[in-house]
Amino acid sequence: MDYDANYIDNSFDADELNKMFVKEFIRFRKENNLTQDLFAKFSNVSRTKIARIENGSSSPSVLSLLKILGPIGYTIKIEKVKKGR
């Protein structure tokens, strides 16, 4: 298998990636000992919006993600994706 540091390997479709994102979002919040209420307080994004992201009924905008992650010291990053085999 060739490794190219400029790409991340990705053979998932958009729906699978969204499900993975939601799981990672919840895991991240819990690992940082944040309730939805605390996450909302720090980010100035409503708890309802955070709950909708977590239950998959709403996809966050980039602006919402930046508002949610920034106050706790994180951001988002764009990475190249290498299509599956």
N, C-alpha and C. Protein backbone atom coordinates (compact mmCIF):
# COMPACT_ATOMS: atom_id res chain seq x y z
N MET A 1 0.85 -1.18 0.00
CA MET A 1 0.00 0.00 0.00
C MET A 1 0.88 1.23 0.00
N ASP A 2 0.64 2.13 -0.95
CA ASP A 2 1.39 3.38 -1.01
C ASP A 2 0.82 4.37 -0.02
N TYR A 3 1.72 5.12 0.57
CA TYR A 3 1.29 6.14 1.53
C TYR A 3 1.63 7.49 0.96
N ASP A 4 0.68 8.38 0.89
CA ASP A 4 0.88 9.74 0.43
C ASP A 4 0.47 10.68 1.54
N ALA A 5 1.42 11.37 2.12
CA ALA A 5 1.16 12.25 3.27
C ALA A 5 0.23 13.40 2.92
N ASN A 6 -0.02 13.64 1.64
CA ASN A 6 -0.89 14.74 1.24
C ASN A 6 -2.37 14.35 1.23
N TYR A 7 -2.65 13.09 1.49
CA TYR A 7 -4.03 12.62 1.42
C TYR A 7 -4.38 11.78 2.65
N ILE A 8 -5.66 11.80 3.01
CA ILE A 8 -6.17 10.83 3.97
C ILE A 8 -6.96 9.81 3.15
N ASP A 9 -6.87 8.56 3.53
CA ASP A 9 -7.58 7.51 2.81
C ASP A 9 -9.05 7.57 3.19
N ASN A 10 -9.92 7.56 2.20
CA ASN A 10 -11.33 7.66 2.49
C ASN A 10 -12.14 6.91 1.45
N SER A 11 -12.79 5.87 1.88
CA SER A 11 -13.65 5.11 0.97
C SER A 11 -15.09 5.14 1.43
N PHE A 12 -15.46 6.17 2.20
CA PHE A 12 -16.81 6.29 2.74
C PHE A 12 -17.63 7.29 1.93
N ASP A 13 -18.95 7.05 1.85
CA ASP A 13 -19.81 8.02 1.18
C ASP A 13 -20.22 9.11 2.18
N ALA A 14 -20.91 10.13 1.70
CA ALA A 14 -21.26 11.29 2.53
C ALA A 14 -22.10 10.91 3.74
N ASP A 15 -23.05 10.00 3.59
CA ASP A 15 -23.89 9.59 4.72
C ASP A 15 -23.07 8.89 5.79
N GLU A 16 -22.15 8.02 5.36
CA GLU A 16 -21.29 7.33 6.32
C GLU A 16 -20.38 8.32 7.04
N LEU A 17 -19.84 9.28 6.30
CA LEU A 17 -18.98 10.30 6.92
C LEU A 17 -19.76 11.14 7.93
N ASN A 18 -21.02 11.45 7.62
CA ASN A 18 -21.84 12.23 8.54
C ASN A 18 -22.08 11.44 9.83
N LYS A 19 -22.39 10.16 9.71
CA LYS A 19 -22.59 9.32 10.90
C LYS A 19 -21.32 9.25 11.74
N MET A 20 -20.18 9.12 11.06
CA MET A 20 -18.90 9.08 11.77
C MET A 20 -18.63 10.42 12.46
N PHE A 21 -18.96 11.52 11.79
CA PHE A 21 -18.77 12.85 12.38
C PHE A 21 -19.60 12.99 13.65
N VAL A 22 -20.87 12.59 13.59
CA VAL A 22 -21.75 12.71 14.76
C VAL A 22 -21.19 11.90 15.93
N LYS A 23 -20.76 10.67 15.67
CA LYS A 23 -20.17 9.85 16.74
C LYS A 23 -18.94 10.53 17.33
N GLU A 24 -18.10 11.06 16.46
CA GLU A 24 -16.87 11.73 16.91
C GLU A 24 -17.19 13.01 17.69
N PHE A 25 -18.19 13.74 17.24
CA PHE A 25 -18.63 14.97 17.91
C PHE A 25 -19.08 14.67 19.34
N ILE A 26 -19.89 13.63 19.49
CA ILE A 26 -20.38 13.23 20.82
C ILE A 26 -19.23 12.74 21.68
N ARG A 27 -18.36 11.90 21.11
CA ARG A 27 -17.21 11.39 21.84
C ARG A 27 -16.32 12.54 22.31
N PHE A 28 -16.07 13.49 21.44
CA PHE A 28 -15.25 14.65 21.76
C PHE A 28 -15.85 15.43 22.93
N ARG A 29 -17.16 15.68 22.86
CA ARG A 29 -17.82 16.44 23.93
C ARG A 29 -17.70 15.71 25.26
N LYS A 30 -17.97 14.42 25.24
CA LYS A 30 -17.94 13.64 26.48
C LYS A 30 -16.52 13.50 27.03
N GLU A 31 -15.53 13.30 26.16
CA GLU A 31 -14.15 13.20 26.60
C GLU A 31 -13.65 14.50 27.26
N ASN A 32 -14.25 15.61 26.87
CA ASN A 32 -13.89 16.90 27.44
C ASN A 32 -14.82 17.28 28.59
N ASN A 33 -15.58 16.29 29.08
CA ASN A 33 -16.47 16.47 30.22
C ASN A 33 -17.42 17.66 30.06
N LEU A 34 -17.99 17.76 28.87
CA LEU A 34 -18.93 18.83 28.59
C LEU A 34 -20.33 18.28 28.38
N THR A 35 -21.27 18.82 29.09
CA THR A 35 -22.67 18.51 28.81
C THR A 35 -23.07 19.33 27.59
N GLN A 36 -24.21 19.02 27.03
CA GLN A 36 -24.71 19.85 25.93
C GLN A 36 -24.91 21.28 26.41
N ASP A 37 -25.39 21.45 27.64
CA ASP A 37 -25.60 22.79 28.19
C ASP A 37 -24.29 23.58 28.30
N LEU A 38 -23.25 22.91 28.81
CA LEU A 38 -21.95 23.59 28.92
C LEU A 38 -21.37 23.90 27.55
N PHE A 39 -21.50 22.97 26.64
CA PHE A 39 -21.03 23.18 25.27
C PHE A 39 -21.73 24.42 24.69
N ALA A 40 -23.03 24.51 24.91
CA ALA A 40 -23.80 25.65 24.42
C ALA A 40 -23.35 26.96 25.08
N LYS A 41 -23.11 26.90 26.37
CA LYS A 41 -22.70 28.10 27.10
C LYS A 41 -21.35 28.62 26.58
N PHE A 42 -20.37 27.73 26.44
CA PHE A 42 -19.04 28.14 25.98
C PHE A 42 -19.06 28.62 24.54
N SER A 43 -19.90 28.03 23.72
CA SER A 43 -19.87 28.31 22.29
C SER A 43 -20.86 29.37 21.82
N ASN A 44 -21.82 29.70 22.67
CA ASN A 44 -22.89 30.63 22.27
C ASN A 44 -23.71 30.07 21.10
N VAL A 45 -23.79 28.76 21.05
CA VAL A 45 -24.66 28.05 20.11
C VAL A 45 -25.68 27.34 20.99
N SER A 46 -26.95 27.39 20.62
CA SER A 46 -27.99 26.85 21.49
C SER A 46 -27.81 25.36 21.77
N ARG A 47 -28.24 24.93 22.96
CA ARG A 47 -28.20 23.52 23.32
C ARG A 47 -29.05 22.72 22.35
N THR A 48 -30.16 23.32 21.92
CA THR A 48 -31.05 22.65 20.97
C THR A 48 -30.30 22.34 19.67
N LYS A 49 -29.50 23.29 19.20
CA LYS A 49 -28.73 23.07 17.97
C LYS A 49 -27.70 21.95 18.17
N ILE A 50 -27.04 21.94 19.31
CA ILE A 50 -26.06 20.89 19.61
C ILE A 50 -26.77 19.54 19.68
N ALA A 51 -27.92 19.49 20.31
CA ALA A 51 -28.69 18.24 20.39
C ALA A 51 -29.10 17.76 19.00
N ARG A 52 -29.49 18.68 18.13
CA ARG A 52 -29.90 18.30 16.77
C ARG A 52 -28.71 17.78 15.96
N ILE A 53 -27.53 18.36 16.17
CA ILE A 53 -26.33 17.84 15.52
C ILE A 53 -26.08 16.41 15.99
N GLU A 54 -26.18 16.21 17.30
CA GLU A 54 -25.87 14.90 17.88
C GLU A 54 -26.90 13.82 17.52
N ASN A 55 -28.14 14.21 17.31
CA ASN A 55 -29.13 13.18 16.95
C ASN A 55 -29.28 13.04 15.44
N GLY A 56 -28.48 13.80 14.70
CA GLY A 56 -28.46 13.67 13.25
C GLY A 56 -29.58 14.37 12.52
N SER A 57 -30.40 15.14 13.22
CA SER A 57 -31.51 15.82 12.55
C SER A 57 -31.10 17.15 11.93
N SER A 58 -29.87 17.60 12.21
CA SER A 58 -29.37 18.85 11.65
C SER A 58 -27.88 18.72 11.40
N SER A 59 -27.45 19.26 10.28
CA SER A 59 -26.02 19.31 9.99
C SER A 59 -25.52 20.71 10.34
N PRO A 60 -24.41 20.79 11.05
CA PRO A 60 -23.91 22.11 11.43
C PRO A 60 -23.28 22.84 10.26
N SER A 61 -23.43 24.14 10.25
CA SER A 61 -22.71 24.94 9.26
C SER A 61 -21.26 25.05 9.71
N VAL A 62 -20.41 25.46 8.82
CA VAL A 62 -19.00 25.67 9.18
C VAL A 62 -18.92 26.74 10.27
N LEU A 63 -19.70 27.80 10.15
CA LEU A 63 -19.70 28.85 11.16
C LEU A 63 -20.10 28.31 12.53
N SER A 64 -21.12 27.47 12.58
CA SER A 64 -21.53 26.86 13.85
C SER A 64 -20.41 26.01 14.44
N LEU A 65 -19.76 25.21 13.59
CA LEU A 65 -18.66 24.38 14.09
C LEU A 65 -17.53 25.24 14.66
N LEU A 66 -17.21 26.32 13.97
CA LEU A 66 -16.16 27.21 14.47
C LEU A 66 -16.56 27.85 15.79
N LYS A 67 -17.84 28.21 15.93
CA LYS A 67 -18.33 28.78 17.19
C LYS A 67 -18.30 27.76 18.32
N ILE A 68 -18.62 26.52 18.00
CA ILE A 68 -18.66 25.47 19.00
C ILE A 68 -17.25 25.09 19.45
N LEU A 69 -16.34 24.93 18.51
CA LEU A 69 -15.01 24.42 18.81
C LEU A 69 -14.02 25.48 19.28
N GLY A 70 -14.11 26.67 18.73
CA GLY A 70 -13.14 27.72 19.03
C GLY A 70 -12.95 28.03 20.51
N PRO A 71 -14.02 28.26 21.26
CA PRO A 71 -13.87 28.63 22.67
C PRO A 71 -13.23 27.55 23.54
N ILE A 72 -13.21 26.30 23.05
CA ILE A 72 -12.55 25.26 23.86
C ILE A 72 -11.22 24.84 23.24
N GLY A 73 -10.72 25.68 22.33
CA GLY A 73 -9.37 25.50 21.82
C GLY A 73 -9.21 24.57 20.62
N TYR A 74 -10.25 24.39 19.83
CA TYR A 74 -10.18 23.52 18.65
C TYR A 74 -10.67 24.27 17.43
N THR A 75 -10.39 23.74 16.26
CA THR A 75 -10.89 24.28 15.01
C THR A 75 -11.15 23.12 14.05
N ILE A 76 -11.55 23.43 12.84
CA ILE A 76 -11.73 22.41 11.82
C ILE A 76 -10.65 22.59 10.77
N LYS A 77 -10.41 21.54 9.99
CA LYS A 77 -9.34 21.55 9.01
C LYS A 77 -9.82 20.86 7.74
N ILE A 78 -9.42 21.38 6.61
CA ILE A 78 -9.73 20.75 5.33
C ILE A 78 -8.54 19.88 4.94
N GLU A 79 -8.83 18.61 4.60
CA GLU A 79 -7.79 17.68 4.20
C GLU A 79 -8.14 17.06 2.86
N LYS A 80 -7.14 16.78 2.06
CA LYS A 80 -7.36 16.09 0.79
C LYS A 80 -7.80 14.67 1.09
N VAL A 81 -8.67 14.14 0.25
CA VAL A 81 -9.19 12.79 0.42
C VAL A 81 -8.76 11.97 -0.77
N LYS A 82 -8.21 10.80 -0.49
CA LYS A 82 -7.84 9.86 -1.54
C LYS A 82 -8.98 8.87 -1.67
N LYS A 83 -9.56 8.76 -2.82
CA LYS A 83 -10.70 7.87 -3.04
C LYS A 83 -10.31 6.43 -2.78
N GLY A 84 -11.31 5.66 -2.33
CA GLY A 84 -11.09 4.24 -2.01
C GLY A 84 -10.61 3.46 -3.21
N ARG A 85 -10.12 2.30 -2.92
CA ARG A 85 -9.51 1.46 -3.95
C ARG A 85 -10.49 1.00 -4.96
